[in-house]
């Protein structure tokens, strides 16, 4: 019954694909890991992308089978972001995680 939720990230370079400024383009994925008990209590995870280059600032996942994964294609990763976790058992309760790259 470990309640700890850990954000995870992965970046995969797209070979031969660069933006107009010559920056490498990547497929980024973000998801959370936790005990199965903790994952079963989550209704959805909202990911907030605060950088001005994002047209879609919030992405929402309600698919617990893949760790509430979201993805985007771009030239860089964020140094920090906000994840909001909404729970099934107490609909009005949420937890906000602020992730900062170390």
PDB file of N, CA and C in Angstrom:
ATOM      1  N   UNK A   1       0.826  -1.201   0.000  1.00  0.00           N
ATOM      2  CA  UNK A   1       0.000   0.000   0.000  1.00  0.00           C
ATOM      3  C   UNK A   1       0.864   1.256   0.000  1.00  0.00           C
ATOM      4  N   UNK A   2       1.973   1.194  -0.696  1.00  0.00           N
ATOM      5  CA  UNK A   2       2.887   2.328  -0.794  1.00  0.00           C
ATOM      6  C   UNK A   2       2.211   3.450  -1.582  1.00  0.00           C
ATOM      7  N   UNK A   3       1.992   4.635  -0.985  1.00  0.00           N
ATOM      8  CA  UNK A   3       1.273   5.718  -1.663  1.00  0.00           C
ATOM      9  C   UNK A   3       2.149   6.601  -2.553  1.00  0.00           C
ATOM     10  N   UNK A   4       3.449   6.310  -2.627  1.00  0.00           N
ATOM     11  CA  UNK A   4       4.361   7.208  -3.348  1.00  0.00           C
ATOM     12  C   UNK A   4       4.139   7.114  -4.859  1.00  0.00           C
ATOM     13  N   UNK A   5       4.017   8.285  -5.488  1.00  0.00           N
ATOM     14  CA  UNK A   5       3.858   8.409  -6.942  1.00  0.00           C
ATOM     15  C   UNK A   5       5.131   9.046  -7.479  1.00  0.00           C
ATOM     16  N   UNK A   6       5.717   8.410  -8.475  1.00  0.00           N
ATOM     17  CA  UNK A   6       6.978   8.905  -9.032  1.00  0.00           C
ATOM     18  C   UNK A   6       6.814   9.234 -10.516  1.00  0.00           C
ATOM     19  N   UNK A   7       7.017  10.492 -10.902  1.00  0.00           N
ATOM     20  CA  UNK A   7       6.983  10.836 -12.325  1.00  0.00           C
ATOM     21  C   UNK A   7       8.197  10.241 -13.051  1.00  0.00           C
ATOM     22  N   UNK A   8       7.973   9.795 -14.275  1.00  0.00           N
ATOM     23  CA  UNK A   8       9.030   9.223 -15.110  1.00  0.00           C
ATOM     24  C   UNK A   8       9.003   9.923 -16.465  1.00  0.00           C
ATOM     25  N   UNK A   9      10.148   9.979 -17.120  1.00  0.00           N
ATOM     26  CA  UNK A   9      10.215  10.593 -18.443  1.00  0.00           C
ATOM     27  C   UNK A   9      11.139   9.782 -19.353  1.00  0.00           C
ATOM     28  N   UNK A  10      10.912   9.946 -20.639  1.00  0.00           N
ATOM     29  CA  UNK A  10      11.765   9.304 -21.637  1.00  0.00           C
ATOM     30  C   UNK A  10      11.800  10.204 -22.866  1.00  0.00           C
ATOM     31  N   UNK A  11      12.989  10.349 -23.455  1.00  0.00           N
ATOM     32  CA  UNK A  11      13.151  11.128 -24.687  1.00  0.00           C
ATOM     33  C   UNK A  11      13.833  10.247 -25.726  1.00  0.00           C
ATOM     34  N   UNK A  12      13.260  10.189 -26.921  1.00  0.00           N
ATOM     35  CA  UNK A  12      13.831   9.402 -28.015  1.00  0.00           C
ATOM     36  C   UNK A  12      14.040  10.332 -29.206  1.00  0.00           C
ATOM     37  N   UNK A  13      15.294  10.478 -29.624  1.00  0.00           N
ATOM     38  CA  UNK A  13      15.609  11.327 -30.779  1.00  0.00           C
ATOM     39  C   UNK A  13      15.005  10.717 -32.038  1.00  0.00           C
ATOM     40  N   UNK A  14      14.408  11.571 -32.880  1.00  0.00           N
ATOM     41  CA  UNK A  14      13.866  11.129 -34.165  1.00  0.00           C
ATOM     42  C   UNK A  14      14.982  11.323 -35.199  1.00  0.00           C
ATOM     43  N   UNK A  15      15.568  10.224 -35.687  1.00  0.00           N
ATOM     44  CA  UNK A  15      16.718  10.340 -36.595  1.00  0.00           C
ATOM     45  C   UNK A  15      16.403  11.192 -37.823  1.00  0.00           C
ATOM     46  N   UNK A  16      17.284  12.143 -38.078  1.00  0.00           N
ATOM     47  CA  UNK A  16      17.179  12.971 -39.269  1.00  0.00           C
ATOM     48  C   UNK A  16      16.131  14.068 -39.214  1.00  0.00           C
ATOM     49  N   UNK A  17      15.466  14.253 -38.075  1.00  0.00           N
ATOM     50  CA  UNK A  17      14.409  15.268 -37.974  1.00  0.00           C
ATOM     51  C   UNK A  17      14.894  16.399 -37.069  1.00  0.00           C
ATOM     52  N   UNK A  18      14.922  17.600 -37.642  1.00  0.00           N
ATOM     53  CA  UNK A  18      15.341  18.788 -36.895  1.00  0.00           C
ATOM     54  C   UNK A  18      14.342  19.909 -37.144  1.00  0.00           C
ATOM     55  N   UNK A  19      14.294  20.859 -36.216  1.00  0.00           N
ATOM     56  CA  UNK A  19      13.410  22.015 -36.403  1.00  0.00           C
ATOM     57  C   UNK A  19      14.095  23.017 -37.332  1.00  0.00           C
ATOM     58  N   UNK A  20      13.411  24.100 -37.721  1.00  0.00           N
ATOM     59  CA  UNK A  20      14.003  25.070 -38.653  1.00  0.00           C
ATOM     60  C   UNK A  20      15.324  25.687 -38.162  1.00  0.00           C
ATOM     61  N   UNK A  21      15.551  25.682 -36.848  1.00  0.00           N
ATOM     62  CA  UNK A  21      16.800  26.217 -36.300  1.00  0.00           C
ATOM     63  C   UNK A  21      17.886  25.157 -36.178  1.00  0.00           C
ATOM     64  N   UNK A  22      17.606  23.950 -36.635  1.00  0.00           N
ATOM     65  CA  UNK A  22      18.591  22.877 -36.593  1.00  0.00           C
ATOM     66  C   UNK A  22      18.616  22.088 -35.295  1.00  0.00           C
ATOM     67  N   UNK A  23      17.655  22.309 -34.408  1.00  0.00           N
ATOM     68  CA  UNK A  23      17.599  21.562 -33.146  1.00  0.00           C
ATOM     69  C   UNK A  23      17.013  20.175 -33.388  1.00  0.00           C
ATOM     70  N   UNK A  24      17.616  19.184 -32.738  1.00  0.00           N
ATOM     71  CA  UNK A  24      17.124  17.810 -32.833  1.00  0.00           C
ATOM     72  C   UNK A  24      15.698  17.726 -32.298  1.00  0.00           C
ATOM     73  N   UNK A  25      14.851  16.945 -32.972  1.00  0.00           N
ATOM     74  CA  UNK A  25      13.473  16.717 -32.537  1.00  0.00           C
ATOM     75  C   UNK A  25      13.394  15.360 -31.839  1.00  0.00           C
ATOM     76  N   UNK A  26      12.626  15.323 -30.746  1.00  0.00           N
ATOM     77  CA  UNK A  26      12.469  14.133 -29.912  1.00  0.00           C
ATOM     78  C   UNK A  26      11.000  13.797 -29.715  1.00  0.00           C
ATOM     79  N   UNK A  27      10.728  12.522 -29.445  1.00  0.00           N
ATOM     80  CA  UNK A  27       9.442  12.103 -28.901  1.00  0.00           C
ATOM     81  C   UNK A  27       9.638  11.965 -27.400  1.00  0.00           C
ATOM     82  N   UNK A  28       8.873  12.735 -26.629  1.00  0.00           N
ATOM     83  CA  UNK A  28       8.948  12.710 -25.172  1.00  0.00           C
ATOM     84  C   UNK A  28       7.724  12.001 -24.616  1.00  0.00           C
ATOM     85  N   UNK A  29       7.931  11.171 -23.617  1.00  0.00           N
ATOM     86  CA  UNK A  29       6.814  10.554 -22.913  1.00  0.00           C
ATOM     87  C   UNK A  29       6.984  10.820 -21.420  1.00  0.00           C
ATOM     88  N   UNK A  30       5.856  10.998 -20.751  1.00  0.00           N
ATOM     89  CA  UNK A  30       5.815  11.281 -19.320  1.00  0.00           C
ATOM     90  C   UNK A  30       4.713  10.402 -18.726  1.00  0.00           C
ATOM     91  N   UNK A  31       5.012   9.755 -17.610  1.00  0.00           N
ATOM     92  CA  UNK A  31       4.041   8.902 -16.943  1.00  0.00           C
ATOM     93  C   UNK A  31       4.389   8.832 -15.464  1.00  0.00           C
ATOM     94  N   UNK A  32       3.553   8.171 -14.708  1.00  0.00           N
ATOM     95  CA  UNK A  32       3.838   8.001 -13.286  1.00  0.00           C
ATOM     96  C   UNK A  32       3.950   6.513 -12.962  1.00  0.00           C
ATOM     97  N   UNK A  33       4.794   6.213 -11.977  1.00  0.00           N
ATOM     98  CA  UNK A  33       4.880   4.858 -11.443  1.00  0.00           C
ATOM     99  C   UNK A  33       4.490   4.914  -9.967  1.00  0.00           C
ATOM    100  N   UNK A  34       3.921   3.838  -9.515  1.00  0.00           N
ATOM    101  CA  UNK A  34       3.492   3.712  -8.123  1.00  0.00           C
ATOM    102  C   UNK A  34       3.120   2.256  -7.901  1.00  0.00           C
ATOM    103  N   UNK A  35       2.849   1.915  -6.670  1.00  0.00           N
ATOM    104  CA  UNK A  35       2.360   0.565  -6.389  1.00  0.00           C
ATOM    105  C   UNK A  35       1.025   0.379  -7.107  1.00  0.00           C
ATOM    106  N   UNK A  36       0.658  -0.859  -7.365  1.00  0.00           N
ATOM    107  CA  UNK A  36      -0.630  -1.122  -8.014  1.00  0.00           C
ATOM    108  C   UNK A  36      -1.770  -0.584  -7.161  1.00  0.00           C
ATOM    109  N   UNK A  37      -1.622  -0.677  -5.859  1.00  0.00           N
ATOM    110  CA  UNK A  37      -2.629  -0.133  -4.949  1.00  0.00           C
ATOM    111  C   UNK A  37      -2.819   1.370  -5.201  1.00  0.00           C
ATOM    112  N   UNK A  38      -1.724   2.105  -5.248  1.00  0.00           N
ATOM    113  CA  UNK A  38      -1.796   3.558  -5.473  1.00  0.00           C
ATOM    114  C   UNK A  38      -2.356   3.871  -6.859  1.00  0.00           C
ATOM    115  N   UNK A  39      -1.903   3.154  -7.885  1.00  0.00           N
ATOM    116  CA  UNK A  39      -2.403   3.400  -9.248  1.00  0.00           C
ATOM    117  C   UNK A  39      -3.911   3.171  -9.333  1.00  0.00           C
ATOM    118  N   UNK A  40      -4.409   2.180  -8.606  1.00  0.00           N
ATOM    119  CA  UNK A  40      -5.841   1.881  -8.636  1.00  0.00           C
ATOM    120  C   UNK A  40      -6.688   2.959  -7.978  1.00  0.00           C
ATOM    121  N   UNK A  41      -6.091   3.836  -7.189  1.00  0.00           N
ATOM    122  CA  UNK A  41      -6.848   4.911  -6.540  1.00  0.00           C
ATOM    123  C   UNK A  41      -6.898   6.182  -7.385  1.00  0.00           C
ATOM    124  N   UNK A  42      -6.127   6.220  -8.480  1.00  0.00           N
ATOM    125  CA  UNK A  42      -6.030   7.426  -9.304  1.00  0.00           C
ATOM    126  C   UNK A  42      -7.086   7.401 -10.408  1.00  0.00           C
ATOM    127  N   UNK A  43      -7.778   8.512 -10.565  1.00  0.00           N
ATOM    128  CA  UNK A  43      -8.762   8.671 -11.643  1.00  0.00           C
ATOM    129  C   UNK A  43      -8.091   9.218 -12.898  1.00  0.00           C
ATOM    130  N   UNK A  44      -7.281  10.272 -12.729  1.00  0.00           N
ATOM    131  CA  UNK A  44      -6.586  10.860 -13.870  1.00  0.00           C
ATOM    132  C   UNK A  44      -5.397  11.679 -13.396  1.00  0.00           C
ATOM    133  N   UNK A  45      -4.487  11.913 -14.337  1.00  0.00           N
ATOM    134  CA  UNK A  45      -3.336  12.771 -14.081  1.00  0.00           C
ATOM    135  C   UNK A  45      -3.345  13.881 -15.132  1.00  0.00           C
ATOM    136  N   UNK A  46      -3.255  15.119 -14.657  1.00  0.00           N
ATOM    137  CA  UNK A  46      -3.187  16.293 -15.534  1.00  0.00           C
ATOM    138  C   UNK A  46      -1.747  16.778 -15.554  1.00  0.00           C
ATOM    139  N   UNK A  47      -1.191  16.919 -16.749  1.00  0.00           N
ATOM    140  CA  UNK A  47       0.182  17.392 -16.915  1.00  0.00           C
ATOM    141  C   UNK A  47       0.114  18.812 -17.465  1.00  0.00           C
ATOM    142  N   UNK A  48       0.770  19.730 -16.803  1.00  0.00           N
ATOM    143  CA  UNK A  48       0.745  21.134 -17.218  1.00  0.00           C
ATOM    144  C   UNK A  48       2.114  21.527 -17.777  1.00  0.00           C
ATOM    145  N   UNK A  49       2.113  21.883 -19.044  1.00  0.00           N
ATOM    146  CA  UNK A  49       3.329  22.283 -19.745  1.00  0.00           C
ATOM    147  C   UNK A  49       3.380  23.806 -19.775  1.00  0.00           C
ATOM    148  N   UNK A  50       4.252  24.390 -18.968  1.00  0.00           N
ATOM    149  CA  UNK A  50       4.267  25.836 -18.785  1.00  0.00           C
ATOM    150  C   UNK A  50       5.086  26.630 -19.783  1.00  0.00           C
ATOM    151  N   UNK A  51       5.769  25.974 -20.701  1.00  0.00           N
ATOM    152  CA  UNK A  51       6.624  26.711 -21.643  1.00  0.00           C
ATOM    153  C   UNK A  51       5.788  27.363 -22.744  1.00  0.00           C
ATOM    154  N   UNK A  52       6.191  28.548 -23.157  1.00  0.00           N
ATOM    155  CA  UNK A  52       5.438  29.313 -24.169  1.00  0.00           C
ATOM    156  C   UNK A  52       5.343  28.603 -25.521  1.00  0.00           C
ATOM    157  N   UNK A  53       6.234  27.658 -25.786  1.00  0.00           N
ATOM    158  CA  UNK A  53       6.221  26.976 -27.077  1.00  0.00           C
ATOM    159  C   UNK A  53       5.111  25.927 -27.196  1.00  0.00           C
ATOM    160  N   UNK A  54       4.435  25.600 -26.099  1.00  0.00           N
ATOM    161  CA  UNK A  54       3.359  24.608 -26.135  1.00  0.00           C
ATOM    162  C   UNK A  54       2.029  25.264 -26.478  1.00  0.00           C
ATOM    163  N   UNK A  55       1.420  24.824 -27.562  1.00  0.00           N
ATOM    164  CA  UNK A  55       0.075  25.295 -27.901  1.00  0.00           C
ATOM    165  C   UNK A  55      -0.951  24.672 -26.962  1.00  0.00           C
ATOM    166  N   UNK A  56      -0.759  23.413 -26.647  1.00  0.00           N
ATOM    167  CA  UNK A  56      -1.638  22.681 -25.745  1.00  0.00           C
ATOM    168  C   UNK A  56      -0.932  22.617 -24.388  1.00  0.00           C
ATOM    169  N   UNK A  57      -1.327  23.468 -23.463  1.00  0.00           N
ATOM    170  CA  UNK A  57      -0.627  23.627 -22.178  1.00  0.00           C
ATOM    171  C   UNK A  57      -0.947  22.523 -21.174  1.00  0.00           C
ATOM    172  N   UNK A  58      -2.102  21.878 -21.293  1.00  0.00           N
ATOM    173  CA  UNK A  58      -2.484  20.820 -20.368  1.00  0.00           C
ATOM    174  C   UNK A  58      -2.863  19.570 -21.149  1.00  0.00           C
ATOM    175  N   UNK A  59      -2.320  18.452 -20.723  1.00  0.00           N
ATOM    176  CA  UNK A  59      -2.695  17.158 -21.292  1.00  0.00           C
ATOM    177  C   UNK A  59      -3.179  16.284 -20.150  1.00  0.00           C
ATOM    178  N   UNK A  60      -4.221  15.531 -20.406  1.00  0.00           N
ATOM    179  CA  UNK A  60      -4.865  14.729 -19.369  1.00  0.00           C
ATOM    180  C   UNK A  60      -4.863  13.265 -19.782  1.00  0.00           C
ATOM    181  N   UNK A  61      -4.510  12.396 -18.832  1.00  0.00           N
ATOM    182  CA  UNK A  61      -4.604  10.962 -19.075  1.00  0.00           C
ATOM    183  C   UNK A  61      -5.438  10.316 -17.983  1.00  0.00           C
ATOM    184  N   UNK A  62      -6.377   9.479 -18.410  1.00  0.00           N
ATOM    185  CA  UNK A  62      -7.170   8.699 -17.469  1.00  0.00           C
ATOM    186  C   UNK A  62      -6.946   7.202 -17.688  1.00  0.00           C
ATOM    187  N   UNK A  63      -5.858   6.863 -18.384  1.00  0.00           N
ATOM    188  CA  UNK A  63      -5.532   5.469 -18.688  1.00  0.00           C
ATOM    189  C   UNK A  63      -4.465   4.951 -17.720  1.00  0.00           C
ATOM    190  N   UNK A  64      -4.916   4.293 -16.675  1.00  0.00           N
ATOM    191  CA  UNK A  64      -3.994   3.772 -15.678  1.00  0.00           C
ATOM    192  C   UNK A  64      -3.170   2.590 -16.166  1.00  0.00           C
ATOM    193  N   UNK A  65      -3.594   1.935 -17.261  1.00  0.00           N
ATOM    194  CA  UNK A  65      -2.882   0.750 -17.743  1.00  0.00           C
ATOM    195  C   UNK A  65      -1.480   1.075 -18.243  1.00  0.00           C
ATOM    196  N   UNK A  66      -1.242   2.335 -18.616  1.00  0.00           N
ATOM    197  CA  UNK A  66       0.085   2.730 -19.085  1.00  0.00           C
ATOM    198  C   UNK A  66       0.723   3.778 -18.164  1.00  0.00           C
ATOM    199  N   UNK A  67       0.270   3.829 -16.923  1.00  0.00           N
ATOM    200  CA  UNK A  67       0.838   4.778 -15.970  1.00  0.00           C
ATOM    201  C   UNK A  67       0.395   6.215 -16.213  1.00  0.00           C
ATOM    202  N   UNK A  68      -0.767   6.382 -16.857  1.00  0.00           N
ATOM    203  CA  UNK A  68      -1.303   7.726 -17.145  1.00  0.00           C
ATOM    204  C   UNK A  68      -0.340   8.503 -18.045  1.00  0.00           C
ATOM    205  N   UNK A  69       0.141   7.823 -19.051  1.00  0.00           N
ATOM    206  CA  UNK A  69       1.146   8.353 -19.974  1.00  0.00           C
ATOM    207  C   UNK A  69       0.577   9.412 -20.907  1.00  0.00           C
ATOM    208  N   UNK A  70       1.386  10.440 -21.163  1.00  0.00           N
ATOM    209  CA  UNK A  70       1.130  11.409 -22.230  1.00  0.00           C
ATOM    210  C   UNK A  70       2.431  11.572 -22.999  1.00  0.00           C
ATOM    211  N   UNK A  71       2.330  12.094 -24.213  1.00  0.00           N
ATOM    212  CA  UNK A  71       3.541  12.278 -25.010  1.00  0.00           C
ATOM    213  C   UNK A  71       3.423  13.536 -25.861  1.00  0.00           C
ATOM    214  N   UNK A  72       4.575  13.986 -26.290  1.00  0.00           N
ATOM    215  CA  UNK A  72       4.626  15.109 -27.227  1.00  0.00           C
ATOM    216  C   UNK A  72       5.912  15.023 -28.036  1.00  0.00           C
ATOM    217  N   UNK A  73       5.923  15.677 -29.175  1.00  0.00           N
ATOM    218  CA  UNK A  73       7.113  15.743 -30.021  1.00  0.00           C
ATOM    219  C   UNK A  73       7.614  17.176 -29.990  1.00  0.00           C
ATOM    220  N   UNK A  74       8.900  17.334 -29.775  1.00  0.00           N
ATOM    221  CA  UNK A  74       9.456  18.677 -29.710  1.00  0.00           C
ATOM    222  C   UNK A  74      10.968  18.671 -29.661  1.00  0.00           C
ATOM    223  N   UNK A  75      11.546  19.839 -29.474  1.00  0.00           N
ATOM    224  CA  UNK A  75      13.003  19.992 -29.500  1.00  0.00           C
ATOM    225  C   UNK A  75      13.643  20.030 -28.126  1.00  0.00           C
ATOM    226  N   UNK A  76      12.864  20.084 -27.088  1.00  0.00           N
ATOM    227  CA  UNK A  76      13.488  20.146 -25.770  1.00  0.00           C
ATOM    228  C   UNK A  76      12.573  19.635 -24.683  1.00  0.00           C
ATOM    229  N   UNK A  77      13.213  19.262 -23.580  1.00  0.00           N
ATOM    230  CA  UNK A  77      12.420  18.841 -22.430  1.00  0.00           C
ATOM    231  C   UNK A  77      12.292  20.017 -21.471  1.00  0.00           C
ATOM    232  N   UNK A  78      11.317  19.942 -20.616  1.00  0.00           N
ATOM    233  CA  UNK A  78      11.070  21.008 -19.651  1.00  0.00           C
ATOM    234  C   UNK A  78      11.954  20.824 -18.428  1.00  0.00           C
ATOM    235  N   UNK A  79      12.372  21.923 -17.830  1.00  0.00           N
ATOM    236  CA  UNK A  79      13.157  21.833 -16.603  1.00  0.00           C
ATOM    237  C   UNK A  79      12.249  21.636 -15.391  1.00  0.00           C
ATOM    238  N   UNK A  80      10.964  21.864 -15.548  1.00  0.00           N
ATOM    239  CA  UNK A  80      10.002  21.647 -14.480  1.00  0.00           C
ATOM    240  C   UNK A  80       8.598  21.621 -15.047  1.00  0.00           C
ATOM    241  N   UNK A  81       7.705  20.954 -14.337  1.00  0.00           N
ATOM    242  CA  UNK A  81       6.309  20.910 -14.751  1.00  0.00           C
ATOM    243  C   UNK A  81       5.439  20.566 -13.555  1.00  0.00           C
ATOM    244  N   UNK A  82       4.142  20.770 -13.703  1.00  0.00           N
ATOM    245  CA  UNK A  82       3.191  20.475 -12.635  1.00  0.00           C
ATOM    246  C   UNK A  82       2.318  19.303 -13.065  1.00  0.00           C
ATOM    247  N   UNK A  83       2.202  18.311 -12.182  1.00  0.00           N
ATOM    248  CA  UNK A  83       1.306  17.179 -12.382  1.00  0.00           C
ATOM    249  C   UNK A  83       0.245  17.258 -11.307  1.00  0.00           C
ATOM    250  N   UNK A  84      -1.008  17.149 -11.704  1.00  0.00           N
ATOM    251  CA  UNK A  84      -2.107  17.102 -10.735  1.00  0.00           C
ATOM    252  C   UNK A  84      -2.739  15.720 -10.805  1.00  0.00           C
ATOM    253  N   UNK A  85      -2.805  15.076  -9.660  1.00  0.00           N
ATOM    254  CA  UNK A  85      -3.352  13.727  -9.572  1.00  0.00           C
ATOM    255  C   UNK A  85      -4.736  13.815  -8.941  1.00  0.00           C
ATOM    256  N   UNK A  86      -5.752  13.329  -9.655  1.00  0.00           N
ATOM    257  CA  UNK A  86      -7.116  13.293  -9.131  1.00  0.00           C
ATOM    258  C   UNK A  86      -7.439  11.853  -8.754  1.00  0.00           C
ATOM    259  N   UNK A  87      -8.039  11.690  -7.587  1.00  0.00           N
ATOM    260  CA  UNK A  87      -8.299  10.353  -7.052  1.00  0.00           C
ATOM    261  C   UNK A  87      -9.747   9.928  -7.251  1.00  0.00           C
ATOM    262  N   UNK A  88      -9.970   8.607  -7.382  1.00  0.00           N
ATOM    263  CA  UNK A  88     -11.309   8.039  -7.549  1.00  0.00           C
ATOM    264  C   UNK A  88     -12.109   8.095  -6.257  1.00  0.00           C
ATOM    265  N   UNK A  89     -11.468   7.800  -5.166  1.00  0.00           N
ATOM    266  CA  UNK A  89     -12.172   7.609  -3.905  1.00  0.00           C
ATOM    267  C   UNK A  89     -12.701   8.902  -3.300  1.00  0.00           C
ATOM    268  N   UNK A  90     -11.988   9.973  -3.501  1.00  0.00           N
ATOM    269  CA  UNK A  90     -12.410  11.279  -2.980  1.00  0.00           C
ATOM    270  C   UNK A  90     -12.332  12.247  -4.166  1.00  0.00           C
ATOM    271  N   UNK A  91     -13.415  12.360  -4.957  1.00  0.00           N
ATOM    272  CA  UNK A  91     -13.370  13.127  -6.202  1.00  0.00           C
ATOM    273  C   UNK A  91     -12.856  14.556  -6.064  1.00  0.00           C
ATOM    274  N   UNK A  92     -13.122  15.207  -4.958  1.00  0.00           N
ATOM    275  CA  UNK A  92     -12.687  16.595  -4.824  1.00  0.00           C
ATOM    276  C   UNK A  92     -11.243  16.699  -4.322  1.00  0.00           C
ATOM    277  N   UNK A  93     -10.612  15.559  -4.035  1.00  0.00           N
ATOM    278  CA  UNK A  93      -9.239  15.576  -3.533  1.00  0.00           C
ATOM    279  C   UNK A  93      -8.259  15.378  -4.677  1.00  0.00           C
ATOM    280  N   UNK A  94      -7.215  16.175  -4.687  1.00  0.00           N
ATOM    281  CA  UNK A  94      -6.165  16.005  -5.678  1.00  0.00           C
ATOM    282  C   UNK A  94      -4.826  16.275  -5.011  1.00  0.00           C
ATOM    283  N   UNK A  95      -3.788  15.877  -5.681  1.00  0.00           N
ATOM    284  CA  UNK A  95      -2.427  16.077  -5.208  1.00  0.00           C
ATOM    285  C   UNK A  95      -1.655  16.717  -6.351  1.00  0.00           C
ATOM    286  N   UNK A  96      -0.924  17.774  -6.096  1.00  0.00           N
ATOM    287  CA  UNK A  96      -0.135  18.431  -7.136  1.00  0.00           C
ATOM    288  C   UNK A  96       1.331  18.189  -6.864  1.00  0.00           C
ATOM    289  N   UNK A  97       2.027  17.688  -7.892  1.00  0.00           N
ATOM    290  CA  UNK A  97       3.469  17.456  -7.817  1.00  0.00           C
ATOM    291  C   UNK A  97       4.167  18.475  -8.709  1.00  0.00           C
ATOM    292  N   UNK A  98       5.146  19.152  -8.189  1.00  0.00           N
ATOM    293  CA  UNK A  98       5.937  20.067  -9.004  1.00  0.00           C
ATOM    294  C   UNK A  98       7.278  19.380  -9.260  1.00  0.00           C
ATOM    295  N   UNK A  99       7.526  19.058 -10.509  1.00  0.00           N
ATOM    296  CA  UNK A  99       8.729  18.312 -10.873  1.00  0.00           C
ATOM    297  C   UNK A  99       9.767  19.277 -11.420  1.00  0.00           C
ATOM    298  N   UNK A 100      10.946  19.207 -10.874  1.00  0.00           N
ATOM    299  CA  UNK A 100      12.042  20.074 -11.318  1.00  0.00           C
ATOM    300  C   UNK A 100      13.226  19.198 -11.657  1.00  0.00           C
ATOM    301  N   UNK A 101      13.819  19.447 -12.815  1.00  0.00           N
ATOM    302  CA  UNK A 101      14.986  18.689 -13.240  1.00  0.00           C
ATOM    303  C   UNK A 101      16.153  19.019 -12.318  1.00  0.00           C
ATOM    304  N   UNK A 102      16.795  17.985 -11.812  1.00  0.00           N
ATOM    305  CA  UNK A 102      17.923  18.184 -10.882  1.00  0.00           C
ATOM    306  C   UNK A 102      19.201  18.493 -11.631  1.00  0.00           C
TER     307      UNK A 102
END
